[in-house]
Amino acid sequence: MEQRMKSDYLEKQLFEFATHFEGANEQITSESISFWRGSINRLFKQKVTLISMVIITLIILGAIIIPFGKEALVLVQDPRIQNLPPKIPFLSNMGIFDGFRGGADAYAKVGVERFYFFGTDELGRDIFLRLWFGMRTSLLIALIVTTSELVIGSVIGGISGYIGGTVDIIIQRIIEILVNIPTLIVMMVLTLAMGASFTTLVLALVIFGWIGFSRLVRAQILKYKELEFVLAAKTLGANPLRIMFQHLLPNMLSTFVVALTLSFPAVILSEAYYTLLGMGLPISNISLGQLIVQNVGKLTTYASQLIIPTIFMATISLTFNLFGNGLRDALDPKMKDR
């Protein structure tokens, strides 16, 4: 008996202190971060999105600063220096944008010492200055149109989605009717009634543009309004406006930001499209679309006058779309591990 007890005895050298405890896997050891901080972290990991953001920032700053206080110079005409080719310091020493045309220095030929970065047009106006002035106009149109579309679409979509029932059915049937009305016909009617102007163009773009935002907001409202935090607010007696502006709309903020970013290039391209058809801005208003349309026939003679504004238009469209797509991924919590 005593011998068996000794054999059952285990020496303490056979054991080690425990380094792992039950439930340790369930402990949260990483730092807790907010939604917006996590989104910013994901955004800064996307190089293409960051490059697009830098380009957009430079374009906006250029459109604000470069034409500032130079509105009168945009209209200055000097037939003596008409259709000069681009000439840029430093690059001209390397034979690039050196102001030569047909093997001859076009600037020396007319006795001009000033550099015109993008050259001059048929009336001797500085294309560089006109392009940035047009950029400012196009960005302003995009800002006004997208903001108006967002406000109108949020109100109508919010009412439709939150109230539901008969109100929702009526609003959706009206939207279906509006969608089937050709936008070009409406633009023609407005132009005939009000004339081609800044206001006419903005009104024509907003009059149907809010529909997309309305459907987006309605879908988000239907998604959130039956969730626990909204039901809790209703139980506590919160009125519909409080629920809408304090609980529902803040949760859709990221969706709004992405939608606005992606809408900017669409508005700028629409402005160019209507200007090409003769229903956009009048000639007295300079925009990117106006500069492209005015120089469509110069591709074989003075190609730079058409190519340069076209490149700027393409750059805006590409960078805003890339930034919008990257922003959408950054604001999506599901992308945090990718």
Protein backbone atom coordinates (compact mmCIF):
# COMPACT_ATOMS: atom_id res chain seq x y z
CA MET A 1 0.00 0.00 0.00
CA GLU A 2 2.76 2.37 0.97
CA GLN A 3 4.70 1.42 -2.17
CA ARG A 4 1.68 2.20 -4.37
CA MET A 5 1.23 5.63 -2.75
CA LYS A 6 4.86 6.47 -3.51
CA SER A 7 4.40 5.49 -7.14
CA ASP A 8 1.37 7.77 -7.37
CA TYR A 9 3.33 10.70 -6.04
CA LEU A 10 4.29 13.25 -8.73
CA GLU A 11 7.26 15.50 -8.23
CA LYS A 12 6.80 19.26 -8.68
CA GLN A 13 9.63 19.41 -11.24
CA LEU A 14 7.26 17.77 -13.70
CA PHE A 15 5.01 20.84 -13.71
CA GLU A 16 5.35 24.35 -15.13
CA PHE A 17 3.54 27.55 -14.24
CA ALA A 18 0.59 28.27 -16.52
CA THR A 19 1.08 31.09 -19.04
CA HIS A 20 -2.34 30.85 -20.66
CA PHE A 21 -5.64 31.30 -18.88
CA GLU A 22 -9.11 30.26 -19.90
CA GLY A 23 -10.96 33.12 -21.58
CA ALA A 24 -7.79 34.94 -22.64
CA ASN A 25 -8.74 34.57 -26.30
CA GLU A 26 -11.90 36.57 -25.71
CA GLN A 27 -10.04 39.56 -24.28
CA ILE A 28 -9.77 42.67 -26.49
CA THR A 29 -6.13 43.72 -26.46
CA SER A 30 -6.08 46.12 -29.44
CA GLU A 31 -6.78 49.82 -29.12
CA SER A 32 -10.39 50.82 -29.72
CA ILE A 33 -10.69 53.34 -32.56
CA SER A 34 -13.65 55.36 -33.79
CA PHE A 35 -15.35 54.90 -37.15
CA TRP A 36 -13.87 58.09 -38.64
CA ARG A 37 -10.36 57.39 -37.35
CA GLY A 38 -10.49 53.89 -38.82
CA SER A 39 -11.74 55.33 -42.11
CA ILE A 40 -8.88 57.84 -42.23
CA ASN A 41 -6.37 55.08 -41.50
CA ARG A 42 -7.76 52.99 -44.36
CA LEU A 43 -7.78 56.04 -46.64
CA PHE A 44 -4.09 56.77 -46.05
CA LYS A 45 -3.21 53.19 -46.99
CA GLN A 46 -4.54 53.73 -50.53
CA LYS A 47 -1.84 55.41 -52.61
CA VAL A 48 -3.99 56.00 -55.67
CA THR A 49 -6.67 57.68 -53.55
CA LEU A 50 -4.09 59.90 -51.84
CA ILE A 51 -2.57 60.95 -55.17
CA SER A 52 -6.06 61.76 -56.48
CA MET A 53 -6.80 63.78 -53.35
CA VAL A 54 -3.59 65.80 -53.76
CA ILE A 55 -4.37 66.52 -57.43
CA ILE A 56 -7.94 67.57 -56.57
CA THR A 57 -6.64 69.86 -53.82
CA LEU A 58 -4.13 71.48 -56.18
CA ILE A 59 -6.80 71.98 -58.85
CA ILE A 60 -9.21 73.60 -56.38
CA LEU A 61 -6.49 75.87 -54.96
CA GLY A 62 -5.37 76.81 -58.47
CA ALA A 63 -8.95 77.61 -59.51
CA ILE A 64 -9.31 79.90 -56.48
CA ILE A 65 -5.91 81.59 -56.37
CA ILE A 66 -4.72 81.95 -59.98
CA PRO A 67 -7.73 83.89 -61.40
CA PHE A 68 -8.26 85.90 -58.20
CA GLY A 69 -8.33 89.62 -58.97
CA LYS A 70 -7.60 89.01 -62.66
CA GLU A 71 -11.15 88.90 -64.00
CA ALA A 72 -10.51 91.87 -66.30
CA LEU A 73 -7.37 90.31 -67.79
CA VAL A 74 -9.36 87.29 -68.98
CA LEU A 75 -11.15 89.48 -71.52
CA VAL A 76 -8.10 91.46 -72.70
CA GLN A 77 -7.59 91.01 -76.46
CA ASP A 78 -4.38 91.59 -78.41
CA PRO A 79 -4.58 90.46 -82.07
CA ARG A 80 -0.83 91.05 -82.38
CA ILE A 81 -0.11 87.93 -80.30
CA GLN A 82 -2.93 85.69 -81.49
CA ASN A 83 -2.50 81.89 -81.59
CA LEU A 84 0.90 81.80 -79.90
CA PRO A 85 2.05 78.26 -78.97
CA PRO A 86 2.69 77.26 -75.32
CA LYS A 87 5.97 78.46 -73.81
CA ILE A 88 7.00 77.37 -70.31
CA PRO A 89 10.20 78.44 -68.48
CA PHE A 90 12.80 75.69 -67.86
CA LEU A 91 11.00 73.34 -70.24
CA SER A 92 11.71 75.66 -73.17
CA ASN A 93 15.46 75.12 -72.62
CA MET A 94 14.91 71.39 -73.23
CA GLY A 95 13.02 71.97 -76.47
CA ILE A 96 9.63 71.27 -74.85
CA PHE A 97 6.94 73.97 -74.94
CA ASP A 98 9.55 76.37 -76.30
CA GLY A 99 7.21 78.62 -78.26
CA PHE A 100 8.36 77.34 -81.65
CA ARG A 101 5.96 76.63 -84.48
CA GLY A 102 7.05 75.39 -87.90
CA GLY A 103 10.71 75.59 -86.88
CA ALA A 104 10.52 79.32 -86.02
CA ASP A 105 10.22 81.12 -82.68
CA ALA A 106 6.67 82.49 -82.76
CA TYR A 107 7.37 84.77 -79.79
CA ALA A 108 10.44 86.38 -81.33
CA LYS A 109 8.52 86.84 -84.56
CA VAL A 110 6.00 89.18 -82.88
CA GLY A 111 8.49 90.64 -80.40
CA VAL A 112 6.96 89.17 -77.23
CA GLU A 113 9.22 88.43 -74.25
CA ARG A 114 6.48 87.26 -71.88
CA PHE A 115 5.84 83.55 -71.37
CA TYR A 116 2.35 82.27 -72.12
CA PHE A 117 2.30 78.86 -70.46
CA PHE A 118 -0.55 77.51 -72.58
CA GLY A 119 -0.23 80.01 -75.43
CA THR A 120 -2.89 82.44 -76.66
CA ASP A 121 -6.13 82.04 -78.62
CA GLU A 122 -7.32 83.63 -81.86
CA LEU A 123 -7.96 86.95 -80.07
CA GLY A 124 -4.62 87.02 -78.25
CA ARG A 125 -6.08 86.09 -74.86
CA ASP A 126 -4.03 84.16 -72.29
CA ILE A 127 -5.26 80.54 -72.41
CA PHE A 128 -3.60 79.65 -69.07
CA LEU A 129 -5.57 82.34 -67.24
CA ARG A 130 -8.78 81.58 -69.11
CA LEU A 131 -8.47 77.88 -68.36
CA TRP A 132 -8.17 78.41 -64.60
CA PHE A 133 -11.01 80.91 -64.70
CA GLY A 134 -13.10 78.32 -66.55
CA MET A 135 -12.07 75.70 -64.02
CA ARG A 136 -13.40 77.89 -61.23
CA THR A 137 -16.72 78.31 -63.04
CA SER A 138 -17.09 74.57 -63.68
CA LEU A 139 -16.27 73.67 -60.07
CA LEU A 140 -18.71 76.31 -58.82
CA ILE A 141 -21.48 74.87 -61.00
CA ALA A 142 -20.69 71.36 -59.75
CA LEU A 143 -20.74 72.52 -56.12
CA ILE A 144 -24.07 74.35 -56.42
CA VAL A 145 -25.74 71.55 -58.39
CA THR A 146 -24.58 68.65 -56.21
CA THR A 147 -25.41 70.48 -52.97
CA SER A 148 -28.89 71.37 -54.24
CA GLU A 149 -29.47 67.81 -55.43
CA LEU A 150 -28.39 66.44 -52.06
CA VAL A 151 -30.68 68.75 -50.07
CA ILE A 152 -33.74 68.18 -52.26
CA GLY A 153 -33.10 64.45 -52.60
CA SER A 154 -32.55 64.02 -48.85
CA VAL A 155 -35.82 65.74 -47.97
CA ILE A 156 -37.96 63.89 -50.52
CA GLY A 157 -36.20 60.55 -50.05
CA GLY A 158 -36.37 60.90 -46.27
CA ILE A 159 -40.10 61.59 -46.30
CA SER A 160 -40.74 58.73 -48.71
CA GLY A 161 -38.69 56.18 -46.79
CA TYR A 162 -39.60 57.16 -43.24
CA ILE A 163 -43.35 57.68 -43.60
CA GLY A 164 -43.81 54.86 -46.12
CA GLY A 165 -47.25 53.59 -47.07
CA THR A 166 -49.35 55.70 -49.43
CA VAL A 167 -46.93 58.64 -49.27
CA ASP A 168 -44.06 56.43 -50.38
CA ILE A 169 -46.09 54.96 -53.24
CA ILE A 170 -47.17 58.40 -54.53
CA ILE A 171 -43.63 59.83 -54.38
CA GLN A 172 -42.13 56.82 -56.14
CA ARG A 173 -44.75 56.94 -58.92
CA ILE A 174 -43.99 60.65 -59.46
CA ILE A 175 -40.28 59.88 -59.61
CA GLU A 176 -40.90 57.15 -62.19
CA ILE A 177 -42.75 59.68 -64.35
CA LEU A 178 -39.95 62.26 -64.05
CA VAL A 179 -37.28 59.70 -64.91
CA ASN A 180 -38.98 59.00 -68.24
CA ILE A 181 -39.00 62.67 -69.29
CA PRO A 182 -36.01 63.39 -71.59
CA THR A 183 -33.63 65.78 -69.86
CA LEU A 184 -32.58 67.28 -73.18
CA ILE A 185 -36.17 68.33 -73.94
CA VAL A 186 -36.44 70.06 -70.56
CA MET A 187 -33.13 71.82 -71.18
CA MET A 188 -34.35 73.06 -74.57
CA VAL A 189 -37.59 74.39 -73.07
CA LEU A 190 -35.76 76.18 -70.24
CA THR A 191 -33.24 77.68 -72.67
CA LEU A 192 -36.02 78.98 -74.93
CA ALA A 193 -37.96 80.38 -71.97
CA MET A 194 -35.10 81.84 -69.91
CA GLY A 195 -32.21 82.06 -72.36
CA ALA A 196 -28.79 80.46 -72.02
CA SER A 197 -27.38 81.49 -68.65
CA PHE A 198 -25.69 80.24 -65.50
CA THR A 199 -29.05 80.02 -63.71
CA THR A 200 -30.72 78.11 -66.55
CA LEU A 201 -27.94 75.53 -66.65
CA VAL A 202 -27.97 74.98 -62.87
CA LEU A 203 -31.77 74.68 -62.84
CA ALA A 204 -31.76 72.19 -65.71
CA LEU A 205 -29.16 70.01 -63.99
CA VAL A 206 -30.90 70.11 -60.59
CA ILE A 207 -34.45 69.56 -61.81
CA PHE A 208 -33.86 65.83 -62.36
CA GLY A 209 -30.50 65.34 -60.66
CA TRP A 210 -32.01 65.05 -57.16
CA ILE A 211 -33.77 61.79 -58.10
CA GLY A 212 -30.62 59.69 -57.66
CA PHE A 213 -29.98 61.14 -54.21
CA SER A 214 -33.64 60.64 -53.29
CA ARG A 215 -33.50 56.94 -54.10
CA LEU A 216 -30.23 56.58 -52.22
CA VAL A 217 -31.61 58.26 -49.09
CA ARG A 218 -34.84 56.26 -49.25
CA ALA A 219 -32.91 52.99 -49.44
CA GLN A 220 -30.78 53.97 -46.45
CA ILE A 221 -33.83 55.04 -44.43
CA LEU A 222 -35.56 51.72 -45.10
CA LYS A 223 -32.38 49.97 -43.99
CA TYR A 224 -31.99 51.83 -40.69
CA LYS A 225 -35.49 52.74 -39.51
CA GLU A 226 -36.29 49.28 -38.11
CA LEU A 227 -33.00 48.89 -36.25
CA GLU A 228 -32.85 48.85 -32.45
CA PHE A 229 -31.49 52.36 -31.90
CA VAL A 230 -34.30 53.91 -33.96
CA LEU A 231 -36.97 51.79 -32.25
CA ALA A 232 -35.51 52.80 -28.88
CA ALA A 233 -35.74 56.48 -29.84
CA LYS A 234 -39.40 56.00 -30.84
CA THR A 235 -40.10 54.23 -27.54
CA LEU A 236 -38.62 57.16 -25.62
CA GLY A 237 -40.99 59.51 -27.44
CA ALA A 238 -38.62 61.16 -29.93
CA ASN A 239 -40.47 62.97 -32.71
CA PRO A 240 -39.85 62.03 -36.38
CA LEU A 241 -37.71 65.11 -37.10
CA ARG A 242 -35.44 64.35 -34.16
CA ILE A 243 -35.10 60.72 -35.25
CA MET A 244 -34.39 61.79 -38.83
CA PHE A 245 -31.73 64.43 -38.09
CA GLN A 246 -30.17 62.98 -34.96
CA HIS A 247 -30.22 59.25 -35.65
CA LEU A 248 -30.81 58.46 -39.32
CA LEU A 249 -29.01 61.15 -41.35
CA PRO A 250 -25.74 61.03 -39.31
CA ASN A 251 -25.50 57.32 -40.07
CA MET A 252 -25.77 58.11 -43.78
CA LEU A 253 -23.07 60.79 -43.75
CA SER A 254 -20.41 58.55 -45.27
CA THR A 255 -22.81 57.59 -48.07
CA PHE A 256 -23.50 61.28 -48.77
CA VAL A 257 -19.79 62.12 -48.94
CA VAL A 258 -19.11 59.39 -51.49
CA ALA A 259 -22.18 60.28 -53.57
CA LEU A 260 -21.20 63.96 -53.69
CA THR A 261 -17.64 63.14 -54.72
CA LEU A 262 -18.78 60.90 -57.57
CA SER A 263 -21.41 63.45 -58.71
CA PHE A 264 -18.88 66.27 -59.24
CA PRO A 265 -17.34 64.99 -62.49
CA ALA A 266 -20.76 63.99 -63.83
CA VAL A 267 -22.00 67.59 -63.46
CA ILE A 268 -18.88 69.04 -65.10
CA LEU A 269 -19.24 66.67 -68.06
CA SER A 270 -22.95 67.51 -68.34
CA GLU A 271 -22.10 71.21 -68.51
CA ALA A 272 -19.68 70.53 -71.37
CA TYR A 273 -22.29 68.38 -73.13
CA TYR A 274 -24.99 71.06 -73.02
CA THR A 275 -22.50 73.73 -74.07
CA LEU A 276 -21.56 71.61 -77.08
CA LEU A 277 -25.26 71.51 -78.05
CA GLY A 278 -25.51 75.29 -77.68
CA MET A 279 -27.67 75.16 -74.55
CA GLY A 280 -25.03 75.64 -71.88
CA LEU A 281 -23.33 78.79 -70.69
CA PRO A 282 -23.23 81.82 -73.00
CA ILE A 283 -19.93 82.78 -74.62
CA SER A 284 -19.40 85.54 -72.04
CA ASN A 285 -19.13 82.88 -69.30
CA ILE A 286 -15.88 80.92 -69.40
CA SER A 287 -15.95 77.26 -68.36
CA LEU A 288 -14.03 74.12 -69.24
CA GLY A 289 -16.85 73.02 -71.51
CA GLN A 290 -16.91 76.41 -73.20
CA LEU A 291 -13.15 76.32 -73.85
CA ILE A 292 -13.37 72.84 -75.38
CA VAL A 293 -16.36 73.69 -77.58
CA GLN A 294 -14.76 76.91 -78.85
CA ASN A 295 -11.66 75.04 -80.01
CA VAL A 296 -13.18 71.86 -81.47
CA GLY A 297 -12.34 72.96 -85.02
CA LYS A 298 -8.67 73.69 -84.24
CA LEU A 299 -7.42 70.13 -83.84
CA THR A 300 -5.52 70.22 -87.14
CA THR A 301 -4.31 73.83 -86.88
CA TYR A 302 -3.76 74.85 -83.24
CA ALA A 303 -4.19 71.51 -81.49
CA SER A 304 -2.89 72.69 -78.10
CA GLN A 305 -5.90 75.01 -77.70
CA LEU A 306 -8.18 71.94 -77.75
CA ILE A 307 -5.92 69.33 -76.16
CA ILE A 308 -5.00 71.31 -73.01
CA PRO A 309 -8.56 71.98 -71.72
CA THR A 310 -9.52 68.42 -72.71
CA ILE A 311 -6.67 67.04 -70.58
CA PHE A 312 -7.83 69.14 -67.63
CA MET A 313 -11.40 67.90 -68.09
CA ALA A 314 -10.22 64.28 -68.22
CA THR A 315 -7.99 64.81 -65.17
CA ILE A 316 -10.87 66.17 -63.11
CA SER A 317 -13.15 63.31 -64.09
CA LEU A 318 -10.52 60.64 -63.43
CA THR A 319 -9.26 62.00 -60.10
CA PHE A 320 -12.73 62.61 -58.66
CA ASN A 321 -13.83 59.10 -59.65
CA LEU A 322 -10.69 57.48 -58.24
CA PHE A 323 -10.99 59.50 -55.04
CA GLY A 324 -14.70 58.68 -54.73
CA ASN A 325 -14.07 54.96 -55.17
CA GLY A 326 -11.23 55.03 -52.64
CA LEU A 327 -13.33 57.03 -50.21
CA ARG A 328 -16.15 54.52 -50.54
CA ASP A 329 -13.78 51.68 -49.64
CA ALA A 330 -12.27 53.62 -46.74
CA LEU A 331 -15.68 54.38 -45.25
CA ASP A 332 -16.75 50.74 -45.52
CA PRO A 333 -15.97 48.94 -42.21
CA LYS A 334 -15.94 45.63 -44.10
CA MET A 335 -12.74 46.75 -45.84
CA LYS A 336 -10.73 47.11 -42.61
CA ASP A 337 -8.98 43.77 -43.04
CA ARG A 338 -8.24 44.18 -46.76
